[in-house]
Amino acid sequence: MASNTEAATATVAPTDTGLKREMGFIGAAWASETSIIGSGWLFGSLFAAQAVGGAAILDWVIAGIVVMVLALVHAELGAMYPVAGGTARFPHFAFGATAGVGFGFFSYLQAVTIAPIECFAVMNYGSHFWPALYNSKTGNVTGTGFVMTIVLMALFVAINFLAMRAFSRVNSALTWWKIAIPVLAIIVLLFKFHGGNFTAGGQGFMPGGAHALFSALPSAGIVFAYSGFEQADQLAGEIKDPQRNLPRAIILAVTVGIIIYCLLQLAFIGAMPPSELKHGFAGITNADIIAGPFAGLAGLVGLAWLAFILRIDAFVSPFGTGLIYTTGTSRVSYGLGRNRYFPPIFTKTDRRGIPWVGLITAFIVGLFFLLPFPSWHSLVGLITSASVLMYSGAPLSLGAFRRQVPEAPRPYRLPAAAILCPFAFIVGNLLIYWSGFEVVWKLGIVLVIGYVIIGLLMAFDKLRPPLQFKSAIWLPVWLIGLGIISWQGQFSGAASSDKHPLPPTITMNIPFWWDMVVVAAFSLAIYYWAQATKLKREEMLDLVARQSAQPQTELPEMPRH
């Protein structure tokens, strides 16, 4: 049994200062829900059907199960330590700064790039009313669309300067609309159902086979569409009674999202006129459907009124998601400031409790990501992998916390954590692997850049946390090993044909199915290695205690353990 001193120390929790707990249960649930139902529902069903035909519905179910497990992991973590920017802080507590920097950077990268993606979706759909916004031939926004994207992102920042109570009302109103319109589309389009569409084009239920089924999860935007459930964790520092409200909010948001997305895919496939599917979903050439899948489909089947409503929603839905991700980005940067990865100025708040430095920085950094990726689809693969890397830190952290502080209060406790945590880590690695080597190597470069940037920022901070290299020795092995497996595996990111043969560097030596066995075995080895080298209890509690009060200008005198 732990001593009284140990028990008292274990209950020490990180505390955020300057933020105001003004968001209730519905506000928290809708913060996650509005992140889930964004541009993903506008495009995901088309891209998934093009990739794998009628079997796209299986992809949404598979991804839904994976995301629910990850959500339950985040539910325990968020209720245990309800702090702003939680995804950037849990690995810091569990494994120290060396590992925490990597996961923290990916948390920020994932958050700061979503707003530009949602803006591109607005320009794509908006081109129906204002053609100058988007070039359907190149698949990119125009110069006018680029300028309007900047204006839209500036609007996100301006609205975020509202007090959390007022902001939550705005977000909740947008989210009720965002739920109602997909539900309306599902109900109406199911009356146009053609069961034969699931095997259209004579290619069967699953054209491309299992390879296409797995690769579609990241590349078709399916995992991307489900991402965002962690927003309640990012805003945990502002949620009322977070121990009770936060787990329920995350679970409700993910459940609603899974139901809506699966039914949307069913309705999209079933309502498509068979005349458009002579060559399957991959052969769709209708410009209206390509530019705006659901609105184009509604117009094609004679539902002009629904098409008009969907085009209006095409502004509202991505707008709401971009808005809440701008909020989340500022809270992640607040959390990175509390970790001392970012300068302490990122923890400054105005009189409304808004971390204003993080908001302005989110706008500036978001503009940078508009430059090299001028379309929605080209960003999705990279950001999906960044999201999964961020999510992978959660099961690792939960496994560590269960051993480091087993007696710490846990209002929600993940059942069968000893099984589900390594399972979640395996699936996360598979999603990264399925993204293809072309995405994985770019992700590696981005990570190196992140370490350089944060390393330079920390170098000038005399109060930076200690770098526990021993607790992060598995991290480079994990990332490099996953890159090598991806390079030698079956998801290179390049398709072989007579006109476009595979590059000589893509050897694809690991056979299909065996490649996934290799990823799973490698993931298990890394997971248990990380658990074996996690921070000692005393070191972990030291990091938590450093964030249990106002950000310090001098190092606190820590008790000996």
Protein backbone atom coordinates (compact mmCIF):
# COMPACT_ATOMS: atom_id res chain seq x y z
CA MET A 1 0.00 0.00 0.00
CA ALA A 2 1.28 3.47 -0.88
CA SER A 3 2.19 5.73 1.98
CA ASN A 4 0.08 8.79 2.83
CA THR A 5 2.74 10.99 1.27
CA GLU A 6 2.70 8.98 -1.97
CA ALA A 7 -1.08 9.04 -2.16
CA ALA A 8 -1.21 12.78 -1.59
CA THR A 9 1.46 13.38 -4.21
CA ALA A 10 -0.28 11.17 -6.76
CA THR A 11 -3.39 13.33 -6.59
CA VAL A 12 -1.41 16.43 -7.61
CA ALA A 13 -2.81 17.50 -10.96
CA PRO A 14 -1.76 20.05 -13.57
CA THR A 15 -3.73 23.28 -13.35
CA ASP A 16 -4.31 25.84 -16.08
CA THR A 17 -4.36 29.53 -15.24
CA GLY A 18 -6.15 32.35 -17.03
CA LEU A 19 -8.73 30.06 -18.69
CA LYS A 20 -12.36 30.12 -17.58
CA ARG A 21 -14.55 27.03 -17.14
CA GLU A 22 -17.64 28.25 -19.00
CA MET A 23 -18.40 25.33 -21.37
CA GLY A 24 -21.08 22.82 -20.37
CA PHE A 25 -21.73 19.24 -21.47
CA ILE A 26 -23.48 20.06 -24.77
CA GLY A 27 -20.86 22.68 -25.58
CA ALA A 28 -18.10 20.11 -25.00
CA ALA A 29 -19.87 17.40 -27.01
CA TRP A 30 -20.56 19.78 -29.87
CA ALA A 31 -16.94 21.00 -29.84
CA SER A 32 -15.94 17.45 -30.78
CA GLU A 33 -18.96 16.87 -33.04
CA THR A 34 -18.43 19.98 -35.14
CA SER A 35 -14.82 18.87 -35.64
CA ILE A 36 -15.95 15.43 -36.81
CA ILE A 37 -18.64 16.65 -39.21
CA GLY A 38 -16.68 19.05 -41.39
CA SER A 39 -15.54 18.83 -45.00
CA GLY A 40 -15.11 15.07 -44.52
CA TRP A 41 -18.81 14.39 -45.03
CA LEU A 42 -18.87 16.55 -48.17
CA PHE A 43 -16.10 14.64 -49.96
CA GLY A 44 -15.32 11.44 -48.06
CA SER A 45 -18.18 9.37 -49.47
CA LEU A 46 -17.17 10.08 -53.07
CA PHE A 47 -13.46 9.44 -52.53
CA ALA A 48 -14.17 6.23 -50.61
CA ALA A 49 -16.55 4.93 -53.31
CA GLN A 50 -14.04 5.78 -56.04
CA ALA A 51 -11.35 3.89 -54.15
CA VAL A 52 -13.20 0.72 -53.20
CA GLY A 53 -16.74 0.81 -54.65
CA GLY A 54 -19.59 -0.58 -52.56
CA ALA A 55 -17.14 -1.83 -49.91
CA ALA A 56 -16.65 1.80 -48.87
CA ILE A 57 -19.32 1.20 -46.23
CA LEU A 58 -16.97 -1.37 -44.63
CA ASP A 59 -14.24 1.26 -44.43
CA TRP A 60 -16.47 3.62 -42.46
CA VAL A 61 -17.39 0.83 -40.03
CA ILE A 62 -13.75 -0.24 -39.58
CA ALA A 63 -12.58 3.33 -39.06
CA GLY A 64 -15.48 3.95 -36.67
CA ILE A 65 -14.43 1.05 -34.46
CA VAL A 66 -10.83 2.25 -34.42
CA VAL A 67 -11.81 5.82 -33.61
CA MET A 68 -14.15 4.71 -30.83
CA VAL A 69 -11.30 2.83 -29.12
CA LEU A 70 -9.06 5.89 -29.44
CA ALA A 71 -11.87 8.08 -28.14
CA LEU A 72 -12.31 5.93 -25.04
CA VAL A 73 -8.58 6.20 -24.37
CA HIS A 74 -8.81 10.00 -24.62
CA ALA A 75 -11.88 9.96 -22.39
CA GLU A 76 -9.92 8.46 -19.50
CA LEU A 77 -6.92 10.74 -20.05
CA GLY A 78 -9.01 13.89 -20.33
CA ALA A 79 -11.05 13.18 -17.22
CA MET A 80 -7.91 12.26 -15.29
CA TYR A 81 -6.03 15.43 -16.28
CA PRO A 82 -8.55 17.98 -17.68
CA VAL A 83 -6.09 20.51 -19.09
CA ALA A 84 -5.98 22.62 -22.23
CA GLY A 85 -4.22 21.00 -25.18
CA GLY A 86 -4.26 17.60 -23.53
CA THR A 87 -2.95 15.64 -26.54
CA ALA A 88 0.24 17.72 -26.39
CA ARG A 89 0.69 17.19 -22.64
CA PHE A 90 -0.11 13.57 -21.78
CA PRO A 91 3.06 12.14 -23.46
CA HIS A 92 5.09 14.90 -21.77
CA PHE A 93 3.98 13.69 -18.34
CA ALA A 94 4.43 10.00 -19.16
CA PHE A 95 7.73 9.99 -21.07
CA GLY A 96 9.32 13.40 -20.54
CA ALA A 97 10.28 16.21 -22.87
CA THR A 98 12.31 14.29 -25.47
CA ALA A 99 9.34 12.11 -26.44
CA GLY A 100 6.82 14.82 -25.59
CA VAL A 101 8.25 17.26 -28.13
CA GLY A 102 7.48 14.88 -31.00
CA PHE A 103 3.90 14.19 -29.97
CA GLY A 104 3.39 17.83 -29.02
CA PHE A 105 4.55 19.03 -32.40
CA PHE A 106 2.26 16.62 -34.24
CA SER A 107 -0.63 17.76 -32.04
CA TYR A 108 0.04 21.31 -33.14
CA LEU A 109 0.62 20.36 -36.77
CA GLN A 110 -2.67 18.45 -36.93
CA ALA A 111 -4.60 21.27 -35.30
CA VAL A 112 -3.13 24.20 -37.23
CA THR A 113 -3.59 22.66 -40.70
CA ILE A 114 -7.27 21.72 -40.42
CA ALA A 115 -8.55 25.30 -40.81
CA PRO A 116 -6.85 25.71 -44.23
CA ILE A 117 -8.29 22.34 -45.33
CA GLU A 118 -11.79 23.41 -44.34
CA CYS A 119 -11.31 26.72 -46.16
CA PHE A 120 -10.39 24.85 -49.34
CA ALA A 121 -13.59 22.83 -49.00
CA VAL A 122 -15.58 26.08 -48.77
CA MET A 123 -13.90 27.38 -51.94
CA ASN A 124 -14.58 24.11 -53.77
CA TYR A 125 -18.30 24.13 -53.05
CA GLY A 126 -18.51 27.91 -53.26
CA SER A 127 -17.31 27.78 -56.86
CA HIS A 128 -20.84 26.72 -57.82
CA PHE A 129 -21.98 30.26 -57.02
CA TRP A 130 -18.65 32.02 -57.64
CA PRO A 131 -16.66 30.07 -60.28
CA ALA A 132 -13.60 32.27 -59.82
CA LEU A 133 -12.85 30.60 -56.47
CA TYR A 134 -11.82 27.15 -57.70
CA ASN A 135 -10.41 25.55 -60.85
CA SER A 136 -12.10 22.17 -61.27
CA LYS A 137 -9.64 21.16 -64.03
CA THR A 138 -6.54 21.54 -61.86
CA GLY A 139 -8.31 20.69 -58.59
CA ASN A 140 -6.80 23.79 -56.97
CA VAL A 141 -8.10 27.09 -55.66
CA THR A 142 -7.53 30.14 -57.83
CA GLY A 143 -5.82 33.39 -56.84
CA THR A 144 -9.21 34.77 -55.83
CA GLY A 145 -9.92 31.62 -53.83
CA PHE A 146 -6.57 31.95 -52.09
CA VAL A 147 -7.35 35.52 -51.01
CA MET A 148 -10.82 34.52 -49.79
CA THR A 149 -9.27 31.63 -47.84
CA ILE A 150 -7.08 34.14 -46.00
CA VAL A 151 -10.15 36.28 -45.25
CA LEU A 152 -12.03 33.24 -43.95
CA MET A 153 -9.17 32.24 -41.67
CA ALA A 154 -9.01 35.79 -40.30
CA LEU A 155 -12.73 35.52 -39.52
CA PHE A 156 -12.10 32.31 -37.56
CA VAL A 157 -9.61 34.17 -35.39
CA ALA A 158 -11.90 37.16 -34.87
CA ILE A 159 -14.81 34.99 -33.65
CA ASN A 160 -12.47 33.12 -31.33
CA PHE A 161 -11.82 36.30 -29.39
CA LEU A 162 -15.34 35.99 -27.94
CA ALA A 163 -15.58 34.80 -24.34
CA MET A 164 -15.91 31.02 -24.13
CA ARG A 165 -19.53 31.26 -22.99
CA ALA A 166 -20.49 33.28 -26.08
CA PHE A 167 -18.26 31.25 -28.39
CA SER A 168 -19.84 28.01 -27.17
CA ARG A 169 -23.31 29.33 -28.10
CA VAL A 170 -22.16 30.21 -31.62
CA ASN A 171 -20.50 26.82 -32.05
CA SER A 172 -23.51 24.91 -30.69
CA ALA A 173 -25.87 26.68 -33.11
CA LEU A 174 -23.60 25.82 -36.04
CA THR A 175 -23.33 22.19 -34.90
CA TRP A 176 -27.09 21.65 -34.61
CA TRP A 177 -27.33 22.78 -38.25
CA LYS A 178 -24.37 20.56 -39.23
CA ILE A 179 -26.09 17.50 -37.76
CA ALA A 180 -29.54 18.28 -39.17
CA ILE A 181 -28.49 18.69 -42.82
CA PRO A 182 -26.65 15.36 -43.24
CA VAL A 183 -29.56 13.60 -41.50
CA LEU A 184 -31.98 15.29 -43.92
CA ALA A 185 -29.82 14.24 -46.89
CA ILE A 186 -29.70 10.65 -45.65
CA ILE A 187 -33.48 10.40 -45.26
CA VAL A 188 -34.27 11.94 -48.65
CA LEU A 189 -31.59 10.12 -50.69
CA LEU A 190 -32.51 6.71 -49.27
CA PHE A 191 -35.81 7.05 -51.17
CA LYS A 192 -33.73 6.94 -54.36
CA PHE A 193 -31.99 3.71 -53.41
CA HIS A 194 -30.57 1.31 -56.05
CA GLY A 195 -29.21 -1.85 -54.43
CA GLY A 196 -27.35 -2.87 -57.58
CA ASN A 197 -25.02 0.12 -57.21
CA PHE A 198 -22.96 -1.76 -54.66
CA THR A 199 -21.59 -3.96 -57.44
CA ALA A 200 -21.80 -1.37 -60.23
CA GLY A 201 -19.59 -1.47 -63.31
CA GLY A 202 -19.23 -5.23 -63.23
CA GLN A 203 -16.31 -4.92 -60.82
CA GLY A 204 -17.96 -6.55 -57.83
CA PHE A 205 -18.49 -5.33 -54.30
CA MET A 206 -14.80 -4.58 -53.61
CA PRO A 207 -12.90 -3.48 -56.73
CA GLY A 208 -9.22 -3.40 -55.90
CA GLY A 209 -9.62 -6.02 -53.16
CA ALA A 210 -8.32 -5.78 -49.62
CA HIS A 211 -5.39 -3.60 -50.67
CA ALA A 212 -7.75 -0.88 -51.86
CA LEU A 213 -9.95 -1.33 -48.78
CA PHE A 214 -7.08 -0.62 -46.38
CA SER A 215 -5.39 2.14 -48.37
CA ALA A 216 -8.70 4.02 -48.66
CA LEU A 217 -8.90 4.46 -44.88
CA PRO A 218 -6.27 7.23 -44.87
CA SER A 219 -6.10 8.25 -48.53
CA ALA A 220 -9.86 8.72 -49.15
CA GLY A 221 -10.20 10.94 -46.11
CA ILE A 222 -12.14 8.45 -43.99
CA VAL A 223 -9.89 8.62 -40.94
CA PHE A 224 -9.55 12.36 -41.53
CA ALA A 225 -13.34 12.70 -41.46
CA TYR A 226 -13.55 11.05 -38.04
CA SER A 227 -10.70 13.10 -36.58
CA GLY A 228 -11.58 15.88 -34.18
CA PHE A 229 -13.16 13.86 -31.39
CA GLU A 230 -10.24 14.96 -29.20
CA GLN A 231 -11.38 18.61 -29.26
CA ALA A 232 -13.07 18.13 -25.89
CA ASP A 233 -9.64 17.14 -24.54
CA GLN A 234 -8.07 20.24 -26.08
CA LEU A 235 -10.68 22.45 -24.39
CA ALA A 236 -10.72 20.51 -21.12
CA GLY A 237 -9.33 23.50 -19.24
CA GLU A 238 -12.57 25.37 -19.98
CA ILE A 239 -15.19 22.64 -19.44
CA LYS A 240 -17.41 22.74 -16.36
CA ASP A 241 -17.17 19.62 -14.17
CA PRO A 242 -14.76 18.01 -16.68
CA GLN A 243 -14.44 14.73 -14.77
CA ARG A 244 -18.12 14.08 -15.48
CA ASN A 245 -18.80 15.99 -18.70
CA LEU A 246 -15.66 15.32 -20.73
CA PRO A 247 -15.86 11.50 -21.11
CA ARG A 248 -19.59 11.65 -21.90
CA ALA A 249 -19.00 14.42 -24.45
CA ILE A 250 -16.32 12.48 -26.35
CA ILE A 251 -18.31 9.23 -26.39
CA LEU A 252 -21.51 10.97 -27.55
CA ALA A 253 -19.72 12.89 -30.31
CA VAL A 254 -18.02 9.79 -31.74
CA THR A 255 -21.20 7.70 -31.59
CA VAL A 256 -23.21 10.31 -33.49
CA GLY A 257 -20.38 10.74 -36.01
CA ILE A 258 -20.12 7.01 -36.76
CA ILE A 259 -23.86 6.65 -37.33
CA ILE A 260 -24.04 9.69 -39.62
CA TYR A 261 -21.00 8.79 -41.72
CA CYS A 262 -22.00 5.17 -42.26
CA LEU A 263 -25.52 6.16 -43.32
CA LEU A 264 -24.18 8.92 -45.60
CA GLN A 265 -22.02 6.42 -47.45
CA LEU A 266 -24.97 4.05 -47.77
CA ALA A 267 -27.20 6.82 -49.12
CA PHE A 268 -24.55 8.15 -51.53
CA ILE A 269 -23.89 4.76 -53.12
CA GLY A 270 -27.56 3.79 -53.26
CA ALA A 271 -28.87 7.07 -54.71
CA MET A 272 -26.39 7.37 -57.57
CA PRO A 273 -28.20 6.92 -60.94
CA PRO A 274 -27.03 3.58 -62.42
CA SER A 275 -26.40 5.34 -65.75
CA GLU A 276 -23.49 7.18 -64.11
CA LEU A 277 -21.86 3.93 -63.01
CA LYS A 278 -21.22 2.08 -66.26
CA HIS A 279 -17.54 2.00 -65.33
CA GLY A 280 -18.07 1.93 -61.57
CA PHE A 281 -17.60 4.76 -59.11
CA ALA A 282 -14.01 5.28 -60.24
CA GLY A 283 -15.38 6.13 -63.69
CA ILE A 284 -17.66 9.00 -62.60
CA THR A 285 -17.08 11.99 -64.89
CA ASN A 286 -20.02 14.22 -63.95
CA ALA A 287 -18.43 17.60 -63.17
CA ASP A 288 -21.12 18.59 -60.63
CA ILE A 289 -20.60 15.42 -58.59
CA ILE A 290 -16.82 15.78 -58.66
CA ALA A 291 -17.02 19.43 -57.57
CA GLY A 292 -19.61 18.80 -54.86
CA PRO A 293 -20.56 15.13 -54.41
CA PHE A 294 -23.78 15.31 -52.39
CA ALA A 295 -25.10 18.56 -53.86
CA GLY A 296 -24.26 17.34 -57.37
CA LEU A 297 -25.99 14.01 -56.69
CA ALA A 298 -29.11 15.74 -55.33
CA GLY A 299 -29.36 17.87 -58.46
CA LEU A 300 -28.80 14.86 -60.70
CA VAL A 301 -31.71 12.91 -59.17
CA GLY A 302 -34.09 15.87 -59.44
CA LEU A 303 -33.85 17.24 -55.91
CA ALA A 304 -32.85 20.81 -56.73
CA TRP A 305 -34.14 22.11 -53.39
CA LEU A 306 -31.92 19.65 -51.50
CA ALA A 307 -28.96 20.55 -53.71
CA PHE A 308 -29.43 24.21 -52.79
CA ILE A 309 -29.57 23.43 -49.04
CA LEU A 310 -26.48 21.22 -49.32
CA ARG A 311 -24.54 23.98 -51.06
CA ILE A 312 -25.47 26.34 -48.26
CA ASP A 313 -24.32 23.71 -45.77
CA ALA A 314 -21.08 23.41 -47.72
CA PHE A 315 -20.23 26.83 -46.30
CA VAL A 316 -21.58 26.23 -42.80
CA SER A 317 -20.13 22.77 -42.19
CA PRO A 318 -16.45 23.43 -43.03
CA PHE A 319 -16.77 26.90 -41.49
CA GLY A 320 -17.77 25.42 -38.13
CA THR A 321 -14.95 22.88 -38.22
CA GLY A 322 -12.34 25.47 -39.19
CA LEU A 323 -13.63 27.69 -36.40
CA ILE A 324 -13.32 25.07 -33.65
CA TYR A 325 -9.91 23.89 -34.88
CA THR A 326 -8.65 27.46 -34.63
CA THR A 327 -9.86 27.33 -31.03
CA GLY A 328 -8.16 23.98 -30.47
CA THR A 329 -4.89 25.17 -32.03
CA SER A 330 -4.64 28.06 -29.56
CA ARG A 331 -5.26 25.65 -26.66
CA VAL A 332 -2.63 23.20 -27.92
CA SER A 333 -0.11 26.03 -28.12
CA TYR A 334 -1.18 27.05 -24.59
CA GLY A 335 -0.42 23.49 -23.47
CA LEU A 336 2.94 23.52 -25.26
CA GLY A 337 3.69 26.76 -23.43
CA ARG A 338 2.87 25.02 -20.14
CA ASN A 339 5.26 22.23 -21.16
CA ARG A 340 7.88 24.96 -21.80
CA TYR A 341 8.21 23.78 -25.42
CA PHE A 342 6.80 27.10 -26.62
CA PRO A 343 7.71 30.42 -24.97
CA PRO A 344 5.63 31.19 -21.83
CA ILE A 345 3.92 34.07 -23.65
CA PHE A 346 1.68 31.41 -25.25
CA THR A 347 0.09 30.88 -21.82
CA LYS A 348 -0.99 34.52 -21.61
CA THR A 349 -4.75 35.12 -21.73
CA ASP A 350 -6.84 38.25 -22.12
CA ARG A 351 -9.58 39.34 -19.72
CA ARG A 352 -12.03 36.93 -21.39
CA GLY A 353 -9.70 33.99 -20.74
CA ILE A 354 -8.62 33.68 -24.40
CA PRO A 355 -5.01 32.65 -25.18
CA TRP A 356 -4.61 35.42 -27.73
CA VAL A 357 -0.99 34.78 -28.71
CA GLY A 358 -1.88 31.25 -29.78
CA LEU A 359 -4.81 32.52 -31.85
CA ILE A 360 -2.73 35.00 -33.80
CA THR A 361 0.04 32.45 -34.31
CA ALA A 362 -2.51 29.88 -35.55
CA PHE A 363 -3.55 32.34 -38.27
CA ILE A 364 0.03 33.06 -39.37
CA VAL A 365 1.15 29.41 -39.38
CA GLY A 366 -2.08 28.35 -41.10
CA LEU A 367 -1.27 30.70 -43.99
CA PHE A 368 2.05 28.92 -44.46
CA PHE A 369 0.24 25.62 -45.04
CA LEU A 370 -1.84 27.17 -47.80
CA LEU A 371 1.24 27.49 -50.00
CA PRO A 372 2.54 23.98 -50.79
CA PHE A 373 -0.82 22.16 -50.66
CA PRO A 374 -3.36 24.10 -52.75
CA SER A 375 -6.22 21.59 -52.61
CA TRP A 376 -8.25 19.65 -50.03
CA HIS A 377 -7.29 16.19 -51.21
CA SER A 378 -3.54 16.79 -51.34
CA LEU A 379 -3.47 17.77 -47.66
CA VAL A 380 -5.56 14.90 -46.36
CA GLY A 381 -2.96 12.11 -46.54
CA LEU A 382 -0.30 14.10 -44.69
CA ILE A 383 -2.65 15.41 -42.01
CA THR A 384 -4.26 12.00 -41.48
CA SER A 385 -0.85 10.53 -40.71
CA ALA A 386 0.03 13.48 -38.46
CA SER A 387 -3.26 12.93 -36.62
CA VAL A 388 -2.59 9.24 -36.17
CA LEU A 389 0.90 9.90 -34.83
CA MET A 390 -0.65 12.32 -32.35
CA TYR A 391 -3.34 9.79 -31.40
CA SER A 392 -0.68 7.10 -30.91
CA GLY A 393 0.67 9.04 -27.95
CA ALA A 394 -2.60 8.51 -26.05
CA PRO A 395 -2.52 4.69 -25.61
CA LEU A 396 1.19 4.90 -24.81
CA SER A 397 0.48 7.52 -22.14
CA LEU A 398 -2.50 5.68 -20.68
CA GLY A 399 -0.49 2.47 -20.36
CA ALA A 400 2.26 4.40 -18.58
CA PHE A 401 -0.11 6.26 -16.22
CA ARG A 402 -1.76 3.00 -15.13
CA ARG A 403 1.61 1.91 -13.73
CA GLN A 404 3.05 5.25 -12.65
CA VAL A 405 0.03 6.51 -10.69
CA PRO A 406 -2.42 3.60 -10.33
CA GLU A 407 -4.15 5.31 -7.40
CA ALA A 408 -4.77 8.63 -9.20
CA PRO A 409 -8.49 9.57 -9.53
CA ARG A 410 -10.01 8.28 -12.78
CA PRO A 411 -13.66 9.37 -13.17
CA TYR A 412 -13.82 7.25 -16.34
CA ARG A 413 -11.76 4.06 -16.55
CA LEU A 414 -11.14 2.34 -19.91
CA PRO A 415 -12.16 -1.34 -19.67
CA ALA A 416 -9.58 -3.94 -20.74
CA ALA A 417 -6.92 -1.25 -21.08
CA ALA A 418 -4.15 -3.86 -21.08
CA ILE A 419 -5.58 -5.15 -24.38
CA LEU A 420 -7.09 -2.02 -25.94
CA CYS A 421 -4.06 0.24 -25.49
CA PRO A 422 -1.64 -1.96 -27.49
CA PHE A 423 -4.45 -2.66 -29.97
CA ALA A 424 -4.99 1.08 -30.50
CA PHE A 425 -1.25 1.56 -31.00
CA ILE A 426 -1.10 -1.26 -33.58
CA VAL A 427 -4.03 0.12 -35.55
CA GLY A 428 -2.54 3.62 -35.46
CA ASN A 429 0.67 2.29 -37.00
CA LEU A 430 -1.29 0.38 -39.63
CA LEU A 431 -3.11 3.57 -40.63
CA ILE A 432 0.22 5.34 -41.05
CA TYR A 433 1.55 2.39 -43.06
CA TRP A 434 -1.52 2.33 -45.30
CA SER A 435 -0.96 6.01 -46.08
CA GLY A 436 1.95 4.95 -48.26
CA PHE A 437 5.68 5.63 -48.28
CA GLU A 438 5.18 8.86 -50.23
CA VAL A 439 3.36 10.30 -47.21
CA VAL A 440 5.50 8.63 -44.54
CA TRP A 441 8.83 10.05 -45.70
CA LYS A 442 7.38 13.56 -45.92
CA LEU A 443 6.04 13.11 -42.42
CA GLY A 444 9.53 12.21 -41.24
CA ILE A 445 10.93 15.42 -42.69
CA VAL A 446 8.18 17.44 -41.02
CA LEU A 447 9.02 15.82 -37.67
CA VAL A 448 12.72 16.71 -37.99
CA ILE A 449 11.74 20.29 -38.75
CA GLY A 450 9.49 20.29 -35.68
CA TYR A 451 12.28 19.10 -33.40
CA VAL A 452 14.60 21.79 -34.77
CA ILE A 453 12.03 24.56 -34.25
CA ILE A 454 11.00 23.52 -30.73
CA GLY A 455 14.61 22.72 -29.84
CA LEU A 456 15.64 26.27 -30.71
CA LEU A 457 12.75 27.69 -28.67
CA MET A 458 13.64 25.56 -25.66
CA ALA A 459 17.34 26.38 -25.91
CA PHE A 460 16.65 29.95 -24.75
CA ASP A 461 14.39 28.89 -21.85
CA LYS A 462 16.32 28.50 -18.60
CA LEU A 463 13.25 26.85 -17.02
CA ARG A 464 12.85 24.17 -19.68
CA PRO A 465 12.07 20.68 -18.36
CA PRO A 466 14.83 18.07 -18.23
CA LEU A 467 15.33 16.01 -21.38
CA GLN A 468 14.80 12.38 -20.36
CA PHE A 469 16.49 10.66 -23.30
CA LYS A 470 16.32 7.21 -21.71
CA SER A 471 12.52 7.36 -21.69
CA ALA A 472 12.42 8.24 -25.40
CA ILE A 473 15.06 5.90 -26.79
CA TRP A 474 12.32 3.90 -28.52
CA LEU A 475 10.96 6.93 -30.41
CA PRO A 476 13.51 7.21 -33.27
CA VAL A 477 13.55 3.42 -33.63
CA TRP A 478 9.75 3.46 -33.97
CA LEU A 479 9.65 6.20 -36.60
CA ILE A 480 12.61 5.01 -38.65
CA GLY A 481 11.46 1.39 -38.43
CA LEU A 482 7.98 2.28 -39.60
CA GLY A 483 9.50 4.19 -42.50
CA ILE A 484 11.61 1.19 -43.54
CA ILE A 485 8.63 -1.17 -43.36
CA SER A 486 6.60 1.30 -45.41
CA TRP A 487 9.39 1.54 -47.99
CA GLN A 488 9.62 -2.24 -48.34
CA GLY A 489 5.89 -2.94 -48.02
CA GLN A 490 2.93 -2.97 -50.37
CA PHE A 491 1.70 0.60 -49.82
CA SER A 492 4.42 2.60 -51.51
CA GLY A 493 2.11 5.39 -52.61
CA ALA A 494 2.89 4.70 -56.26
CA ALA A 495 0.79 2.64 -58.65
CA SER A 496 2.46 0.38 -61.18
CA SER A 497 1.40 0.49 -64.85
CA ASP A 498 3.01 0.37 -68.30
CA LYS A 499 3.02 4.16 -68.51
CA HIS A 500 4.00 4.74 -64.89
CA PRO A 501 6.16 1.88 -63.60
CA LEU A 502 7.18 1.81 -59.97
CA PRO A 503 10.39 3.73 -59.24
CA PRO A 504 13.42 1.45 -58.83
CA THR A 505 13.69 2.46 -55.16
CA ILE A 506 10.24 0.98 -54.42
CA THR A 507 10.96 -2.73 -54.14
CA MET A 508 7.85 -3.95 -52.26
CA ASN A 509 9.72 -6.94 -50.81
CA ILE A 510 7.31 -7.72 -47.96
CA PRO A 511 4.32 -9.69 -49.33
CA PHE A 512 0.78 -8.48 -48.85
CA TRP A 513 -0.82 -9.60 -45.56
CA TRP A 514 2.64 -10.42 -44.19
CA ASP A 515 3.41 -6.70 -44.30
CA MET A 516 0.56 -6.04 -41.86
CA VAL A 517 1.75 -8.85 -39.61
CA VAL A 518 5.18 -7.21 -39.57
CA VAL A 519 3.66 -3.82 -38.69
CA ALA A 520 1.61 -5.37 -35.87
CA ALA A 521 4.60 -7.25 -34.41
CA PHE A 522 6.82 -4.20 -34.68
CA SER A 523 4.15 -2.06 -33.00
CA LEU A 524 3.83 -4.45 -30.06
CA ALA A 525 7.61 -4.45 -29.59
CA ILE A 526 7.70 -0.65 -29.54
CA TYR A 527 4.68 -0.39 -27.23
CA TYR A 528 6.15 -2.65 -24.55
CA TRP A 529 9.59 -1.11 -24.97
CA ALA A 530 8.06 2.32 -24.33
CA GLN A 531 6.27 0.99 -21.23
CA ALA A 532 9.53 -0.45 -19.92
CA THR A 533 11.39 2.86 -20.32
CA LYS A 534 8.63 5.23 -19.17
CA LEU A 535 9.52 7.84 -16.58
CA LYS A 536 9.88 6.71 -13.01
CA ARG A 537 6.98 7.63 -10.77
CA GLU A 538 8.95 10.40 -9.04
CA GLU A 539 10.03 11.96 -12.34
CA MET A 540 6.49 11.83 -13.73
CA LEU A 541 5.03 13.47 -10.60
CA ASP A 542 7.72 16.14 -10.78
CA LEU A 543 6.58 17.14 -14.28
CA VAL A 544 2.93 17.20 -13.19
CA ALA A 545 3.74 19.31 -10.14
CA ARG A 546 5.60 21.84 -12.30
CA GLN A 547 2.27 22.56 -14.00
CA SER A 548 0.12 22.55 -10.86
CA ALA A 549 0.16 26.33 -10.44
CA GLN A 550 0.86 29.64 -12.16
CA PRO A 551 3.64 29.39 -14.79
CA GLN A 552 6.89 30.06 -12.94
CA THR A 553 9.65 32.55 -13.64
CA GLU A 554 11.92 30.57 -11.34
CA LEU A 555 12.28 26.84 -10.94
CA PRO A 556 10.03 25.53 -8.13
CA GLU A 557 11.57 23.75 -5.19
CA MET A 558 10.37 20.18 -5.71
CA PRO A 559 9.92 17.75 -2.82
CA ARG A 560 12.14 14.70 -2.67
CA HIS A 561 10.42 11.37 -3.31
